[in-house]
PDB file of N, CA and C in Angstrom:
ATOM      1  N   MET A   1      34.277 -15.908 -36.454  1.00  0.00           N
ATOM      2  CA  MET A   1      35.432 -15.104 -36.492  1.00  0.00           C
ATOM      3  C   MET A   1      35.511 -13.782 -35.943  1.00  0.00           C
ATOM      4  N   GLY A   2      34.338 -13.137 -35.978  1.00  0.00           N
ATOM      5  CA  GLY A   2      34.271 -11.967 -35.590  1.00  0.00           C
ATOM      6  C   GLY A   2      34.339 -11.957 -33.964  1.00  0.00           C
ATOM      7  N   ASN A   3      33.982 -13.185 -33.200  1.00  0.00           N
ATOM      8  CA  ASN A   3      34.077 -13.401 -32.140  1.00  0.00           C
ATOM      9  C   ASN A   3      35.448 -13.402 -31.496  1.00  0.00           C
ATOM     10  N   ARG A   4      36.154 -13.760 -32.680  1.00  0.00           N
ATOM     11  CA  ARG A   4      37.920 -13.771 -31.979  1.00  0.00           C
ATOM     12  C   ARG A   4      38.633 -12.581 -32.019  1.00  0.00           C
ATOM     13  N   PHE A   5      38.246 -11.543 -33.096  1.00  0.00           N
ATOM     14  CA  PHE A   5      38.425 -10.297 -33.083  1.00  0.00           C
ATOM     15  C   PHE A   5      38.137  -9.773 -32.011  1.00  0.00           C
ATOM     16  N   ALA A   6      36.866  -9.732 -31.544  1.00  0.00           N
ATOM     17  CA  ALA A   6      36.452  -9.222 -30.354  1.00  0.00           C
ATOM     18  C   ALA A   6      37.044  -9.675 -28.842  1.00  0.00           C
ATOM     19  N   HIS A   7      37.590 -10.567 -28.838  1.00  0.00           N
ATOM     20  CA  HIS A   7      38.313 -11.278 -28.031  1.00  0.00           C
ATOM     21  C   HIS A   7      39.752 -10.462 -27.803  1.00  0.00           C
ATOM     22  N   LYS A   8      40.265 -10.597 -28.854  1.00  0.00           N
ATOM     23  CA  LYS A   8      41.479 -10.141 -28.929  1.00  0.00           C
ATOM     24  C   LYS A   8      41.563  -8.412 -28.542  1.00  0.00           C
ATOM     25  N   LEU A   9      40.364  -7.911 -29.327  1.00  0.00           N
ATOM     26  CA  LEU A   9      40.487  -6.345 -29.054  1.00  0.00           C
ATOM     27  C   LEU A   9      40.326  -6.175 -27.818  1.00  0.00           C
ATOM     28  N   THR A  10      39.384  -7.048 -27.088  1.00  0.00           N
ATOM     29  CA  THR A  10      39.049  -6.945 -25.424  1.00  0.00           C
ATOM     30  C   THR A  10      40.373  -7.083 -24.901  1.00  0.00           C
ATOM     31  N   ILE A  11      41.081  -8.037 -24.747  1.00  0.00           N
ATOM     32  CA  ILE A  11      42.528  -8.183 -24.294  1.00  0.00           C
ATOM     33  C   ILE A  11      43.508  -6.997 -24.461  1.00  0.00           C
ATOM     34  N   ALA A  12      43.613  -6.368 -25.885  1.00  0.00           N
ATOM     35  CA  ALA A  12      44.621  -5.508 -26.250  1.00  0.00           C
ATOM     36  C   ALA A  12      44.140  -4.408 -25.281  1.00  0.00           C
ATOM     37  N   THR A  13      42.939  -4.004 -25.184  1.00  0.00           N
ATOM     38  CA  THR A  13      42.365  -2.737 -24.751  1.00  0.00           C
ATOM     39  C   THR A  13      42.857  -2.882 -23.000  1.00  0.00           C
ATOM     40  N   LEU A  14      42.470  -3.936 -22.391  1.00  0.00           N
ATOM     41  CA  LEU A  14      42.796  -4.111 -21.157  1.00  0.00           C
ATOM     42  C   LEU A  14      44.438  -4.104 -20.792  1.00  0.00           C
ATOM     43  N   LEU A  15      44.780  -4.677 -21.593  1.00  0.00           N
ATOM     44  CA  LEU A  15      46.446  -4.668 -21.459  1.00  0.00           C
ATOM     45  C   LEU A  15      46.786  -3.210 -21.356  1.00  0.00           C
ATOM     46  N   GLY A  16      46.479  -2.449 -22.671  1.00  0.00           N
ATOM     47  CA  GLY A  16      46.637  -1.064 -22.770  1.00  0.00           C
ATOM     48  C   GLY A  16      46.222  -0.365 -21.316  1.00  0.00           C
ATOM     49  N   ALA A  17      45.106  -0.436 -21.368  1.00  0.00           N
ATOM     50  CA  ALA A  17      44.776   0.075 -19.842  1.00  0.00           C
ATOM     51  C   ALA A  17      45.627   0.033 -18.498  1.00  0.00           C
ATOM     52  N   LEU A  18      46.238  -1.277 -18.529  1.00  0.00           N
ATOM     53  CA  LEU A  18      46.836  -1.719 -17.356  1.00  0.00           C
ATOM     54  C   LEU A  18      48.411  -1.199 -17.451  1.00  0.00           C
ATOM     55  N   ILE A  19      48.730  -0.987 -18.918  1.00  0.00           N
ATOM     56  CA  ILE A  19      50.364  -0.525 -18.721  1.00  0.00           C
ATOM     57  C   ILE A  19      50.148   1.456 -18.538  1.00  0.00           C
ATOM     58  N   LEU A  20      49.216   1.759 -19.194  1.00  0.00           N
ATOM     59  CA  LEU A  20      48.818   3.289 -18.996  1.00  0.00           C
ATOM     60  C   LEU A  20      48.609   3.696 -17.537  1.00  0.00           C
ATOM     61  N   SER A  21      47.842   2.839 -16.666  1.00  0.00           N
ATOM     62  CA  SER A  21      47.647   3.203 -15.468  1.00  0.00           C
ATOM     63  C   SER A  21      48.966   3.317 -14.697  1.00  0.00           C
ATOM     64  N   ALA A  22      49.764   2.405 -15.002  1.00  0.00           N
ATOM     65  CA  ALA A  22      51.249   2.490 -14.410  1.00  0.00           C
ATOM     66  C   ALA A  22      52.133   3.667 -14.397  1.00  0.00           C
ATOM     67  N   CYS A  23      51.578   4.523 -15.482  1.00  0.00           N
ATOM     68  CA  CYS A  23      52.691   5.869 -15.563  1.00  0.00           C
ATOM     69  C   CYS A  23      52.074   6.575 -15.045  1.00  0.00           C
ATOM     70  N   GLY A  24      52.864   7.815 -14.743  1.00  0.00           N
ATOM     71  CA  GLY A  24      52.470   8.992 -14.090  1.00  0.00           C
ATOM     72  C   GLY A  24      53.290   9.190 -12.823  1.00  0.00           C
ATOM     73  N   ILE A  25      53.178  10.379 -12.174  1.00  0.00           N
ATOM     74  CA  ILE A  25      53.930  11.043 -11.223  1.00  0.00           C
ATOM     75  C   ILE A  25      53.260  10.589  -9.895  1.00  0.00           C
ATOM     76  N   LYS A  26      54.147   9.674  -8.857  1.00  0.00           N
ATOM     77  CA  LYS A  26      53.546   9.288  -7.659  1.00  0.00           C
ATOM     78  C   LYS A  26      53.445  10.725  -6.755  1.00  0.00           C
ATOM     79  N   GLY A  27      52.546  10.717  -6.017  1.00  0.00           N
ATOM     80  CA  GLY A  27      52.376  11.911  -4.714  1.00  0.00           C
ATOM     81  C   GLY A  27      51.651  13.290  -5.292  1.00  0.00           C
ATOM     82  N   ASP A  28      51.821  14.160  -4.450  1.00  0.00           N
ATOM     83  CA  ASP A  28      51.305  15.447  -4.943  1.00  0.00           C
ATOM     84  C   ASP A  28      52.355  16.448  -6.199  1.00  0.00           C
ATOM     85  N   LEU A  29      51.757  16.578  -6.985  1.00  0.00           N
ATOM     86  CA  LEU A  29      52.170  17.568  -7.615  1.00  0.00           C
ATOM     87  C   LEU A  29      52.785  18.821  -7.364  1.00  0.00           C
ATOM     88  N   LYS A  30      53.740  19.266  -7.930  1.00  0.00           N
ATOM     89  CA  LYS A  30      54.403  20.430  -7.289  1.00  0.00           C
ATOM     90  C   LYS A  30      54.433  21.659  -8.562  1.00  0.00           C
ATOM     91  N   THR A  31      53.787  22.810  -8.336  1.00  0.00           N
ATOM     92  CA  THR A  31      53.853  23.690  -9.418  1.00  0.00           C
ATOM     93  C   THR A  31      55.189  24.498  -9.715  1.00  0.00           C
ATOM     94  N   PRO A  32      55.656  24.415 -10.828  1.00  0.00           N
ATOM     95  CA  PRO A  32      56.850  24.909 -11.299  1.00  0.00           C
ATOM     96  C   PRO A  32      56.814  26.450 -11.243  1.00  0.00           C
ATOM     97  N   PRO A  33      58.177  26.889 -11.206  1.00  0.00           N
ATOM     98  CA  PRO A  33      57.866  28.295 -10.599  1.00  0.00           C
ATOM     99  C   PRO A  33      57.561  29.199 -12.242  1.00  0.00           C
ATOM    100  N   PRO A  34      57.394  30.455 -11.983  1.00  0.00           N
ATOM    101  CA  PRO A  34      56.867  31.176 -13.287  1.00  0.00           C
ATOM    102  C   PRO A  34      57.778  31.318 -14.310  1.00  0.00           C
ATOM    103  N   LEU A  35      57.397  31.157 -15.893  1.00  0.00           N
ATOM    104  CA  LEU A  35      58.497  31.493 -16.601  1.00  0.00           C
ATOM    105  C   LEU A  35      58.553  33.108 -16.750  1.00  0.00           C
ATOM    106  N   TRP A  36      57.652  33.950 -16.314  1.00  0.00           N
ATOM    107  CA  TRP A  36      57.832  35.230 -16.588  1.00  0.00           C
ATOM    108  C   TRP A  36      57.215  35.955 -15.062  1.00  0.00           C
ATOM    109  N   GLY A  37      57.556  37.192 -15.016  1.00  0.00           N
ATOM    110  CA  GLY A  37      56.547  37.699 -13.917  1.00  0.00           C
ATOM    111  C   GLY A  37      57.510  37.574 -12.641  1.00  0.00           C
ATOM    112  N   ASP A  38      56.694  38.285 -11.760  1.00  0.00           N
ATOM    113  CA  ASP A  38      57.291  38.381 -10.218  1.00  0.00           C
ATOM    114  C   ASP A  38      57.395  36.856  -9.456  1.00  0.00           C
ATOM    115  N   LYS A  39      58.541  36.561  -9.120  1.00  0.00           N
ATOM    116  CA  LYS A  39      58.838  35.275  -8.693  1.00  0.00           C
ATOM    117  C   LYS A  39      58.571  35.236  -7.113  1.00  0.00           C
ATOM    118  N   THR A  40      58.734  36.366  -6.733  1.00  0.00           N
ATOM    119  CA  THR A  40      58.463  36.316  -5.200  1.00  0.00           C
ATOM    120  C   THR A  40      57.022  36.063  -5.008  1.00  0.00           C
ATOM    121  N   GLN A  41      55.885  36.762  -5.731  1.00  0.00           N
ATOM    122  CA  GLN A  41      54.657  36.714  -5.641  1.00  0.00           C
ATOM    123  C   GLN A  41      54.281  35.159  -5.564  1.00  0.00           C
ATOM    124  N   ALA A  42      54.873  34.407  -6.752  1.00  0.00           N
ATOM    125  CA  ALA A  42      54.789  32.709  -6.603  1.00  0.00           C
ATOM    126  C   ALA A  42      55.272  32.085  -5.398  1.00  0.00           C
ATOM    127  N   ASP A  43      56.566  32.708  -4.992  1.00  0.00           N
ATOM    128  CA  ASP A  43      56.885  31.945  -3.626  1.00  0.00           C
ATOM    129  C   ASP A  43      55.959  32.468  -2.572  1.00  0.00           C
ATOM    130  N   LYS A  44      55.526  33.358  -2.242  1.00  0.00           N
ATOM    131  CA  LYS A  44      54.586  33.979  -1.225  1.00  0.00           C
ATOM    132  C   LYS A  44      53.392  33.031  -1.383  1.00  0.00           C
ATOM    133  N   GLN A  45      52.709  32.789  -2.784  1.00  0.00           N
ATOM    134  CA  GLN A  45      51.459  31.936  -2.675  1.00  0.00           C
ATOM    135  C   GLN A  45      51.718  30.367  -2.415  1.00  0.00           C
ATOM    136  N   SER A  46      53.194  30.114  -2.693  1.00  0.00           N
ATOM    137  CA  SER A  46      53.462  28.533  -2.034  1.00  0.00           C
ATOM    138  C   SER A  46      53.513  28.467  -0.763  1.00  0.00           C
ATOM    139  N   SER A  47      54.201  29.375  -0.280  1.00  0.00           N
ATOM    140  CA  SER A  47      54.414  29.463   1.216  1.00  0.00           C
ATOM    141  C   SER A  47      52.757  29.598   2.109  1.00  0.00           C
ATOM    142  N   GLU A  48      52.126  30.452   1.522  1.00  0.00           N
ATOM    143  CA  GLU A  48      50.750  30.439   1.859  1.00  0.00           C
ATOM    144  C   GLU A  48      49.793  29.088   2.096  1.00  0.00           C
ATOM    145  N   LYS A  49      50.196  28.499   0.797  1.00  0.00           N
ATOM    146  CA  LYS A  49      49.454  27.098   0.539  1.00  0.00           C
ATOM    147  C   LYS A  49      50.288  26.163   1.375  1.00  0.00           C
ATOM    148  N   GLN A  50      51.318  26.204   1.738  1.00  0.00           N
ATOM    149  CA  GLN A  50      51.888  25.317   2.686  1.00  0.00           C
ATOM    150  C   GLN A  50      51.337  25.552   4.077  1.00  0.00           C
ATOM    151  N   LYS A  51      51.282  26.631   4.585  1.00  0.00           N
ATOM    152  CA  LYS A  51      51.300  26.993   6.017  1.00  0.00           C
ATOM    153  C   LYS A  51      49.393  26.546   5.886  1.00  0.00           C
ATOM    154  N   HIS A  52      48.695  26.771   4.846  1.00  0.00           N
ATOM    155  CA  HIS A  52      47.234  26.280   5.007  1.00  0.00           C
ATOM    156  C   HIS A  52      47.047  24.934   5.228  1.00  0.00           C
ATOM    157  N   GLU A  53      47.925  24.107   4.412  1.00  0.00           N
ATOM    158  CA  GLU A  53      47.837  22.586   4.322  1.00  0.00           C
ATOM    159  C   GLU A  53      48.159  21.789   5.928  1.00  0.00           C
ATOM    160  N   SER A  54      49.280  22.673   6.144  1.00  0.00           N
ATOM    161  CA  SER A  54      49.944  22.247   7.442  1.00  0.00           C
ATOM    162  C   SER A  54      48.798  22.430   8.500  1.00  0.00           C
ATOM    163  N   ASN A  55      47.992  23.407   8.487  1.00  0.00           N
ATOM    164  CA  ASN A  55      47.283  23.617   9.533  1.00  0.00           C
ATOM    165  C   ASN A  55      45.989  22.702   9.819  1.00  0.00           C
ATOM    166  N   ASN A  56      45.937  21.959   8.501  1.00  0.00           N
ATOM    167  CA  ASN A  56      44.744  21.170   8.526  1.00  0.00           C
ATOM    168  C   ASN A  56      45.143  19.752   8.804  1.00  0.00           C
TER     169      ASN A  56
END
């Protein structure tokens, strides 16, 4: 009887892992704008990062 429970638990765990692995954002993550502070500073950092990535 314990073997049957272990088998069901294993199947449930694998199924849950499969379902959760399909969730999420595909591709690169984008940094949201700042909630407070200097937005232009965040824009400068973003453009510098893009320039650095395009050079590689």
